[in-house]
Each structure stands twice: as C-alpha cells, then as structure tokens.
Amino acid sequence: MLTFISWWRAAAIVLNDLGSSAFYAGATAEQAIGKAAPWFILGVMLFSFAVRAVYVESCSMFVRGGVYRIVKEALGGTLAKVGVAALMFDYILTGPISGVSAGQYISGLLNETFL
C-alpha cells in the first residue's frame, strides 16, 4: 500500500499525531465545557468512528489520490476543495498548537520541580 514508507514509520507518524492531541484535548475540553466534557469527547469519538468507517470504505474501492480525489469522486469538486482546505488548516495549526502545549507542560513541570 505505502511503498515509499514502512508500516512502522507510518504508524509512528499517526500515533504521534493522535497522542499529542489526546494529551491536551481532555484538559482543554474540561476547562471549556466543565464536568460534561467526557460526554462531549465521547460524542466526538463516535463521530470520528463514523468518518473513519466511510474513509475505510472509500479506500477499499481503490480510489487513489488522497482526500481531494476521494471526496471529489464521492461528493463533488466543491466539497473536495473544502476538504483539502480543512486538511491544510489542520496541518498548519496542529504543529504549533502541539508545540505550545508541550512547552506549557514542560514549563509547569520545571516550575513544580525546581521552584
């Protein structure tokens, strides 16, 4: 399937992306929503499961070309452009948000440890 990257490297990339989100999503949801945050997180997880099921189905049809091609084949060109824009927005923001979150956790750890 992925001839240019091994399965282990692909898994490392995906797990790092998911892991970084898992650490700050719970705290951010708790702070913004309150005690109902676990239910909202469960709802997001169920929605993500449904989206994953649709994506796995589209991958089984051997449609190559990434998000744009899959969405264009299924829903049309306009929604394909929206999907690509959302994906680019996600890629641009995920790195800086994860970096800032990691910096806050590290500075909090250093403050608790040495001060």
Protein backbone atom coordinates (compact mmCIF):
# COMPACT_ATOMS: atom_id res chain seq x y z
CA MET A 1 0.00 0.00 0.00
CA LEU A 2 2.59 2.58 1.07
CA THR A 3 5.65 1.77 -0.98
CA PHE A 4 7.66 4.84 0.00
CA ILE A 5 7.35 4.41 3.77
CA SER A 6 7.33 1.35 6.00
CA TRP A 7 4.34 0.41 8.14
CA TRP A 8 6.32 1.10 11.32
CA ARG A 9 7.19 4.63 10.25
CA ALA A 10 3.63 5.35 9.15
CA ALA A 11 2.34 4.04 12.50
CA ALA A 12 4.84 6.25 14.35
CA ILE A 13 3.62 9.35 12.50
CA VAL A 14 -0.05 8.56 13.10
CA LEU A 15 0.41 7.65 16.77
CA ASN A 16 2.42 10.82 17.43
CA ASP A 17 -0.34 12.92 15.89
CA LEU A 18 -3.06 11.13 17.84
CA GLY A 19 -1.03 11.07 21.05
CA SER A 20 -0.27 14.77 21.03
CA SER A 21 -3.94 15.57 20.55
CA ALA A 22 -5.04 13.19 23.29
CA PHE A 23 -2.95 14.90 25.94
CA TYR A 24 -4.30 18.39 25.55
CA ALA A 25 -7.82 17.74 24.22
CA GLY A 26 -9.14 16.39 27.51
CA ALA A 27 -7.81 19.28 29.58
CA THR A 28 -9.00 21.88 27.10
CA ALA A 29 -12.47 20.34 26.93
CA GLU A 30 -12.70 20.15 30.72
CA GLN A 31 -11.73 23.79 31.04
CA ALA A 32 -14.15 24.98 28.34
CA ILE A 33 -17.17 22.75 28.97
CA GLY A 34 -16.89 21.65 32.57
CA LYS A 35 -17.92 18.34 34.04
CA ALA A 36 -19.82 17.31 30.90
CA ALA A 37 -16.56 17.21 28.91
CA PRO A 38 -16.24 13.38 28.89
CA TRP A 39 -19.64 13.11 27.18
CA PHE A 40 -18.64 15.62 24.52
CA ILE A 41 -15.37 13.77 23.97
CA LEU A 42 -17.33 10.51 23.64
CA GLY A 43 -19.56 12.16 21.03
CA VAL A 44 -16.54 13.33 19.06
CA MET A 45 -15.06 9.85 19.23
CA LEU A 46 -18.27 8.29 17.89
CA PHE A 47 -18.41 10.85 15.08
CA SER A 48 -14.75 10.14 14.28
CA PHE A 49 -15.52 6.42 14.17
CA ALA A 50 -18.27 7.07 11.61
CA VAL A 51 -15.94 9.22 9.49
CA ARG A 52 -13.26 6.53 9.69
CA ALA A 53 -15.73 3.90 8.53
CA VAL A 54 -16.59 5.98 5.46
CA TYR A 55 -12.91 6.57 4.75
CA VAL A 56 -12.06 2.86 5.06
CA GLU A 57 -14.91 2.07 2.67
CA SER A 58 -13.61 4.59 0.14
CA CYS A 59 -10.09 3.17 0.46
CA SER A 60 -11.43 -0.30 -0.28
CA MET A 61 -12.68 1.00 -3.65
CA PHE A 62 -9.04 1.68 -4.64
CA VAL A 63 -9.57 5.38 -5.29
CA ARG A 64 -6.08 6.84 -5.30
CA GLY A 65 -5.18 10.49 -4.92
CA GLY A 66 -5.76 11.42 -1.29
CA VAL A 67 -8.52 13.46 0.26
CA TYR A 68 -9.23 15.60 -2.79
CA ARG A 69 -9.75 12.70 -5.17
CA ILE A 70 -11.80 10.61 -2.73
CA VAL A 71 -14.13 13.46 -1.81
CA LYS A 72 -14.39 14.59 -5.43
CA GLU A 73 -15.44 11.10 -6.51
CA ALA A 74 -17.97 10.81 -3.69
CA LEU A 75 -19.35 14.32 -3.18
CA GLY A 76 -18.14 16.62 -5.95
CA GLY A 77 -15.47 19.22 -6.59
CA THR A 78 -16.70 21.95 -4.25
CA LEU A 79 -16.70 19.74 -1.16
CA ALA A 80 -13.36 18.30 -2.24
CA LYS A 81 -11.87 21.79 -2.13
CA VAL A 82 -13.43 22.37 1.29
CA GLY A 83 -11.96 19.07 2.50
CA VAL A 84 -8.49 19.95 1.27
CA ALA A 85 -8.73 23.42 2.82
CA ALA A 86 -9.73 21.87 6.16
CA LEU A 87 -6.87 19.39 5.95
CA MET A 88 -4.34 22.14 5.19
CA PHE A 89 -5.74 24.21 8.05
CA ASP A 90 -5.33 21.20 10.33
CA TYR A 91 -1.75 20.58 9.22
CA ILE A 92 -0.79 24.22 9.64
CA LEU A 93 -2.25 24.51 13.15
CA THR A 94 -1.54 21.09 14.67
CA GLY A 95 2.23 21.58 14.88
CA PRO A 96 2.25 24.98 16.59
CA ILE A 97 -0.56 24.04 18.98
CA SER A 98 1.24 20.84 19.98
CA GLY A 99 4.48 22.77 20.42
CA VAL A 100 2.89 25.41 22.64
CA SER A 101 1.09 22.75 24.67
CA ALA A 102 4.32 20.79 25.15
CA GLY A 103 6.10 23.98 26.20
CA GLN A 104 3.44 24.73 28.79
CA TYR A 105 3.63 21.21 30.20
CA ILE A 106 7.43 21.32 30.35
CA SER A 107 7.49 24.76 31.98
CA GLY A 108 4.89 23.60 34.51
CA LEU A 109 6.99 20.54 35.27
CA LEU A 110 10.12 22.65 35.70
CA ASN A 111 8.28 25.12 37.95
CA GLU A 112 6.98 22.30 40.15
CA THR A 113 10.33 20.53 40.25
CA PHE A 114 12.77 23.38 40.84
CA LEU A 115 10.74 26.19 42.43
